[in-house]
Amino acid sequence: MDPWKEDLLQTFQSIECERQVLAMASEMARKLEFDYCAYGLRMPLPLARPKTAMFSNYPAVWQARYQAQEYQAIDPTVRHAMRSPSPVVWSDDLFAPARELWEEARSFGLQAGLAYTCRDAGGMGGMLTLARAGESVTTAEWQAKA
């Protein structure tokens, strides 16, 4: 196992609450040259209204706006995560169907990003998003940081 993976596993074993997970993820995001991170977890039950948990260091005003506008329903990164296990890089093309969401996110400093998804055999799915203000994420960058 790579030394960084061992360090990460040891750190996770010492975590006692959700805030510590978010603090650790935020620090890792900074090391990868991203300003923000978010993790969403969707439980498969109940079937009619699956529960979602969100942990994020995005600006609080943006988080409130995202919820108030119910952007999760039209967010292209969420749609991608529901149908594909492959990572996705934020781009104008990706957000074309949700132009208002894209423009508003960018106004909060969420201008470039990556989204990684995972899903278990029981139907629980998660998505880790790394975001920053500034230059776009290149293919070479996301491959190096995957």
Protein backbone atom coordinates (compact mmCIF):
# COMPACT_ATOMS: atom_id res chain seq x y z
CA MET A 1 0.00 0.00 0.00
CA ASP A 2 1.24 3.51 -0.82
CA PRO A 3 2.51 5.45 2.24
CA TRP A 4 -0.07 8.23 1.71
CA LYS A 5 -2.88 5.67 1.75
CA GLU A 6 -1.60 4.22 5.02
CA ASP A 7 -1.44 7.72 6.53
CA LEU A 8 -4.99 8.40 5.35
CA LEU A 9 -6.32 5.17 6.84
CA GLN A 10 -4.60 5.89 10.17
CA THR A 11 -6.10 9.37 10.21
CA PHE A 12 -9.59 8.02 9.48
CA GLN A 13 -9.29 5.59 12.38
CA SER A 14 -8.78 8.48 14.80
CA ILE A 15 -11.80 10.47 13.60
CA GLU A 16 -14.66 10.79 16.07
CA CYS A 17 -17.18 13.01 14.27
CA GLU A 18 -18.34 14.37 10.90
CA ARG A 19 -16.61 17.72 11.45
CA GLN A 20 -13.26 15.97 11.66
CA VAL A 21 -13.94 14.17 8.37
CA LEU A 22 -14.75 17.48 6.70
CA ALA A 23 -11.67 19.14 8.21
CA MET A 24 -9.47 16.32 6.93
CA ALA A 25 -11.06 16.40 3.48
CA SER A 26 -10.66 20.19 3.34
CA GLU A 27 -6.97 19.90 4.18
CA MET A 28 -6.50 17.22 1.51
CA ALA A 29 -8.29 19.45 -1.01
CA ARG A 30 -5.90 22.32 -0.20
CA LYS A 31 -2.91 20.02 -0.71
CA LEU A 32 -4.35 19.18 -4.13
CA GLU A 33 -4.66 22.93 -4.89
CA PHE A 34 -8.43 23.19 -4.46
CA ASP A 35 -10.19 25.72 -2.25
CA TYR A 36 -13.29 23.68 -1.52
CA CYS A 37 -14.58 20.17 -1.15
CA ALA A 38 -18.00 18.62 -0.77
CA TYR A 39 -19.15 15.09 -0.16
CA GLY A 40 -22.69 13.95 -0.74
CA LEU A 41 -23.97 10.54 0.29
CA ARG A 42 -27.28 9.17 -0.92
CA MET A 43 -28.84 6.27 0.91
CA PRO A 44 -31.06 3.97 -1.17
CA LEU A 45 -33.88 3.89 1.39
CA PRO A 46 -36.62 4.78 1.74
CA LEU A 47 -37.33 4.17 -1.94
CA ALA A 48 -39.86 6.99 -2.27
CA ARG A 49 -37.58 9.62 -0.68
CA PRO A 50 -33.96 8.48 -0.46
CA LYS A 51 -32.04 10.37 2.21
CA THR A 52 -29.03 12.50 1.31
CA ALA A 53 -26.29 13.73 3.63
CA MET A 54 -24.03 16.61 2.58
CA PHE A 55 -20.72 17.74 4.05
CA SER A 56 -19.11 20.79 2.50
CA ASN A 57 -16.78 23.70 3.12
CA TYR A 58 -18.33 25.64 0.22
CA PRO A 59 -19.35 29.20 1.14
CA ALA A 60 -22.34 29.00 3.50
CA VAL A 61 -24.34 31.44 1.36
CA TRP A 62 -23.82 29.21 -1.68
CA GLN A 63 -24.84 26.09 0.25
CA ALA A 64 -28.07 27.80 1.33
CA ARG A 65 -28.75 29.05 -2.19
CA TYR A 66 -28.09 25.58 -3.70
CA GLN A 67 -30.64 24.05 -1.31
CA ALA A 68 -33.20 26.84 -1.69
CA GLN A 69 -33.11 26.59 -5.49
CA GLU A 70 -33.11 22.76 -5.32
CA TYR A 71 -30.13 22.74 -7.66
CA GLN A 72 -29.39 19.12 -6.79
CA ALA A 73 -32.26 18.16 -9.10
CA ILE A 74 -30.57 19.77 -12.13
CA ASP A 75 -26.87 19.63 -11.19
CA PRO A 76 -25.04 17.90 -14.07
CA THR A 77 -22.41 16.50 -11.70
CA VAL A 78 -25.12 14.79 -9.65
CA ARG A 79 -26.76 13.43 -12.81
CA HIS A 80 -23.40 12.13 -13.99
CA ALA A 81 -22.81 10.42 -10.62
CA MET A 82 -26.18 8.67 -10.86
CA ARG A 83 -25.30 7.00 -14.14
CA SER A 84 -21.51 6.67 -14.30
CA PRO A 85 -18.66 5.71 -11.97
CA SER A 86 -16.15 7.75 -13.95
CA PRO A 87 -14.84 11.09 -12.67
CA VAL A 88 -15.98 14.26 -14.39
CA VAL A 89 -14.24 17.60 -14.88
CA TRP A 90 -16.37 20.74 -14.69
CA SER A 91 -16.74 22.53 -18.01
CA ASP A 92 -19.05 24.86 -19.89
CA ASP A 93 -20.27 21.87 -21.92
CA LEU A 94 -21.07 19.83 -18.81
CA PHE A 95 -23.10 22.69 -17.30
CA ALA A 96 -24.79 23.77 -20.56
CA PRO A 97 -28.16 22.29 -19.49
CA ALA A 98 -27.96 24.19 -16.18
CA ARG A 99 -26.52 27.53 -17.23
CA GLU A 100 -28.06 29.49 -14.30
CA LEU A 101 -26.59 27.05 -11.78
CA TRP A 102 -23.16 27.27 -13.46
CA GLU A 103 -23.12 31.07 -13.55
CA GLU A 104 -24.27 31.36 -9.97
CA ALA A 105 -21.73 28.80 -8.71
CA ARG A 106 -18.95 30.68 -10.47
CA SER A 107 -20.03 33.91 -8.79
CA PHE A 108 -19.29 32.19 -5.45
CA GLY A 109 -15.76 31.20 -6.51
CA LEU A 110 -16.66 27.70 -7.68
CA GLN A 111 -15.16 28.10 -11.12
CA ALA A 112 -13.26 24.87 -11.71
CA GLY A 113 -13.72 21.43 -10.28
CA LEU A 114 -13.71 17.65 -10.37
CA ALA A 115 -16.30 15.17 -9.18
CA TYR A 116 -15.54 11.57 -8.22
CA THR A 117 -18.28 9.05 -7.59
CA CYS A 118 -18.56 5.74 -5.79
CA ARG A 119 -21.39 3.31 -5.25
CA ASP A 120 -21.63 0.13 -3.21
CA ALA A 121 -23.47 -3.10 -4.01
CA GLY A 122 -26.38 -2.06 -1.76
CA GLY A 123 -27.14 1.04 -3.81
CA MET A 124 -25.54 3.63 -1.53
CA GLY A 125 -23.77 6.25 -3.62
CA GLY A 126 -21.41 9.08 -2.87
CA MET A 127 -19.74 11.92 -4.70
CA LEU A 128 -16.64 13.85 -3.71
CA THR A 129 -16.26 17.21 -5.39
CA LEU A 130 -13.15 19.38 -5.35
CA ALA A 131 -13.56 22.99 -6.48
CA ARG A 132 -11.58 26.20 -6.74
CA ALA A 133 -11.62 29.72 -8.04
CA GLY A 134 -9.31 30.27 -10.96
CA GLU A 135 -8.08 28.20 -13.82
CA SER A 136 -9.82 25.15 -15.20
CA VAL A 137 -8.74 21.63 -14.38
CA THR A 138 -6.81 20.06 -17.24
CA THR A 139 -7.00 16.40 -18.16
CA ALA A 140 -3.36 15.98 -17.16
CA GLU A 141 -4.06 17.54 -13.75
CA TRP A 142 -7.02 15.35 -12.88
CA GLN A 143 -5.20 12.22 -14.04
CA ALA A 144 -2.23 13.13 -11.85
CA LYS A 145 -4.44 13.86 -8.83
CA ALA A 146 -6.89 10.97 -9.23
